[in-house]
């Protein structure tokens, strides 16, 4: 089942990279606008599926399950808000790889401290190779970011690391929600979206958010619908991966999306701009994933 988790994590990485690239036309929008619109669309699309396949099992909700539901809503929303703050402090090309690339480190640290994880030598070497691959790709992209869009203070990288910690916390929390509370991954995502819609509904009072969504609907209607309808697909793959494999394994694999986004962005701009360091990062990543899988076979 571990290899099933690896395959699902790879699907999560590929679909997340595709989603990130397809959302490029919406880069000028507020992050909160996209998150709110995506949550509304996802909740609407998932509701009939949940009612048909899980309707009889939704109620009653135990106090134990309610705790995990609430924690998941809070942590996921905190992560989204942290990323929004991070984007305001620095260019996305600078902070996104740092946030995503640091999350596997925090997953391992949290697992070591709170879950009693022990890494074998192969597992440790594999993790280091994966992280080296992600960070090489990230910093390669950063080194080609114009100096005028790089932050002049440490606020942006600190915020990115906080976002990375929250990403890791989501992984650990949601894995235990699925495992110890017996919550179905699709139901957990459905409740997360419902919580975000309720919490973020006051945003509709903002003229800026309404203007954002109106402009996107007029100019990028197709992209907006695709991005909103598919935003949760990577996390669906990821939650099912967490249901059959440990977070410390599937979390680094999911961050292949960072490398894929960098590579495909470079390929789209010009093949000559694909740097050797980024090719090396892919080989490091593949080697690390193979070694990591040996720990959990």
Foldseek 3Di string as FASTA:
>chain_A
DLVLLLVLLLVLLVLQLVLVVLCVVLVPAQLLLLLLLLLVQQLVVLVVVCCVPPVVPPPDADPVLVVLLVVLLVLVVVLSVLVSVLVVQAPCLQQVLLLLLCLLVLLVVCCVVPVVDDADPLQVLLLVLLSLLSVLLSVVSVVPDDPVRGHPDCPNSVSSNVSSNSVSVSLVSLLCSCPVVVDQLSVSSSSSSVSSNVVSVVVVVDPSSVVSVVVCCVPPVPSSVVSSNSVCVSVSSNSVSSNPHPCSLSSSSSSVSSLVNSQVVQVVVPNVSPDPSSVSSVVSNVSSNVSNSVRVD
